[in-house]
Amino acid sequence: MVNSDKLVGAIFSRGFNKSTFAEKLGKCNSWLSGRLKNKNFTLAEADEIVKTLNLSSAEATAIFFAQFVA
């Protein structure tokens, strides 16, 4: 499960809003909204998000693997 709040924070801190970020990924806004609501991304989508936002390993772990980190 994805920590949607942290992901949205990372999106905004990089100067995007949800709509412009979805566009950057080549997706529509409803795709991103649905993924954030369901807190579910494929590994390929997560990898693309990490690269697009230039997330550090710690940031990516906190966003995509938070439930596994103590």
C-alpha atoms as a PDB file:
ATOM      1  CA  MET A   1       0.000   0.000   0.000  1.00  0.00           C
ATOM      2  CA  VAL A   2       1.116   3.483  -0.854  1.00  0.00           C
ATOM      3  CA  ASN A   3       1.272   6.381   1.581  1.00  0.00           C
ATOM      4  CA  SER A   4      -0.816   8.701  -0.615  1.00  0.00           C
ATOM      5  CA  ASP A   5      -0.318  11.733   1.616  1.00  0.00           C
ATOM      6  CA  LYS A   6       3.472  11.494   1.331  1.00  0.00           C
ATOM      7  CA  LEU A   7       3.269  10.944  -2.407  1.00  0.00           C
ATOM      8  CA  VAL A   8       1.039  13.980  -2.893  1.00  0.00           C
ATOM      9  CA  GLY A   9       3.425  15.991  -0.701  1.00  0.00           C
ATOM     10  CA  ALA A  10       6.348  14.932  -2.886  1.00  0.00           C
ATOM     11  CA  ILE A  11       4.394  15.835  -6.017  1.00  0.00           C
ATOM     12  CA  PHE A  12       3.627  19.327  -4.702  1.00  0.00           C
ATOM     13  CA  SER A  13       7.124  19.886  -3.319  1.00  0.00           C
ATOM     14  CA  ARG A  14       8.517  19.242  -6.821  1.00  0.00           C
ATOM     15  CA  GLY A  15       6.318  21.995  -8.273  1.00  0.00           C
ATOM     16  CA  PHE A  16       3.558  19.836  -9.743  1.00  0.00           C
ATOM     17  CA  ASN A  17      -0.095  19.576  -8.925  1.00  0.00           C
ATOM     18  CA  LYS A  18      -1.873  16.262  -9.398  1.00  0.00           C
ATOM     19  CA  SER A  19      -3.085  17.151 -12.876  1.00  0.00           C
ATOM     20  CA  THR A  20       0.286  18.348 -14.208  1.00  0.00           C
ATOM     21  CA  PHE A  21       2.040  15.369 -12.654  1.00  0.00           C
ATOM     22  CA  ALA A  22      -0.369  12.928 -14.294  1.00  0.00           C
ATOM     23  CA  GLU A  23       0.318  14.685 -17.602  1.00  0.00           C
ATOM     24  CA  LYS A  24       4.069  14.389 -17.030  1.00  0.00           C
ATOM     25  CA  LEU A  25       3.578  10.628 -16.650  1.00  0.00           C
ATOM     26  CA  GLY A  26       1.493  10.523 -19.839  1.00  0.00           C
ATOM     27  CA  LYS A  27      -1.641   9.640 -17.882  1.00  0.00           C
ATOM     28  CA  CYS A  28      -4.935  11.385 -17.232  1.00  0.00           C
ATOM     29  CA  ASN A  29      -5.837  13.014 -13.938  1.00  0.00           C
ATOM     30  CA  SER A  30      -8.542  10.432 -13.220  1.00  0.00           C
ATOM     31  CA  TRP A  31      -5.907   7.653 -13.454  1.00  0.00           C
ATOM     32  CA  LEU A  32      -3.773   9.328 -10.777  1.00  0.00           C
ATOM     33  CA  SER A  33      -6.766  10.115  -8.577  1.00  0.00           C
ATOM     34  CA  GLY A  34      -7.914   6.511  -8.753  1.00  0.00           C
ATOM     35  CA  ARG A  35      -4.465   5.149  -7.929  1.00  0.00           C
ATOM     36  CA  LEU A  36      -4.107   7.540  -4.979  1.00  0.00           C
ATOM     37  CA  LYS A  37      -7.560   6.620  -3.677  1.00  0.00           C
ATOM     38  CA  ASN A  38      -6.874   2.880  -3.928  1.00  0.00           C
ATOM     39  CA  LYS A  39      -3.279   3.340  -2.698  1.00  0.00           C
ATOM     40  CA  ASN A  40      -2.138   0.888  -5.318  1.00  0.00           C
ATOM     41  CA  PHE A  41       0.476   1.285  -8.066  1.00  0.00           C
ATOM     42  CA  THR A  42       2.241  -1.345 -10.146  1.00  0.00           C
ATOM     43  CA  LEU A  43       5.996  -1.698  -9.726  1.00  0.00           C
ATOM     44  CA  ALA A  44       6.517  -0.162 -13.153  1.00  0.00           C
ATOM     45  CA  GLU A  45       4.330   2.827 -12.220  1.00  0.00           C
ATOM     46  CA  ALA A  46       6.134   3.251  -8.894  1.00  0.00           C
ATOM     47  CA  ASP A  47       9.497   3.139 -10.688  1.00  0.00           C
ATOM     48  CA  GLU A  48       8.329   5.785 -13.159  1.00  0.00           C
ATOM     49  CA  ILE A  49       7.092   7.994 -10.302  1.00  0.00           C
ATOM     50  CA  VAL A  50      10.382   7.630  -8.403  1.00  0.00           C
ATOM     51  CA  LYS A  51      12.356   8.606 -11.506  1.00  0.00           C
ATOM     52  CA  THR A  52      10.059  11.468 -12.500  1.00  0.00           C
ATOM     53  CA  LEU A  53      10.091  12.994  -9.011  1.00  0.00           C
ATOM     54  CA  ASN A  54      13.768  12.143  -8.499  1.00  0.00           C
ATOM     55  CA  LEU A  55      12.942  10.607  -5.119  1.00  0.00           C
ATOM     56  CA  SER A  56      15.719   9.445  -2.831  1.00  0.00           C
ATOM     57  CA  SER A  57      15.725   5.824  -1.686  1.00  0.00           C
ATOM     58  CA  ALA A  58      14.463   6.927   1.725  1.00  0.00           C
ATOM     59  CA  GLU A  59      11.607   8.943   0.190  1.00  0.00           C
ATOM     60  CA  ALA A  60      10.600   6.104  -2.133  1.00  0.00           C
ATOM     61  CA  THR A  61      10.663   3.609   0.732  1.00  0.00           C
ATOM     62  CA  ALA A  62       8.557   5.881   2.943  1.00  0.00           C
ATOM     63  CA  ILE A  63       5.996   6.319   0.167  1.00  0.00           C
ATOM     64  CA  PHE A  64       5.774   2.858  -1.366  1.00  0.00           C
ATOM     65  CA  PHE A  65       6.821   0.544   1.446  1.00  0.00           C
ATOM     66  CA  ALA A  66       5.800   2.413   4.602  1.00  0.00           C
ATOM     67  CA  GLN A  67       3.812  -0.499   6.032  1.00  0.00           C
ATOM     68  CA  PHE A  68       6.914  -2.712   5.899  1.00  0.00           C
ATOM     69  CA  VAL A  69       9.246  -0.256   7.643  1.00  0.00           C
ATOM     70  CA  ALA A  70       9.224  -0.282  11.459  1.00  0.00           C
END
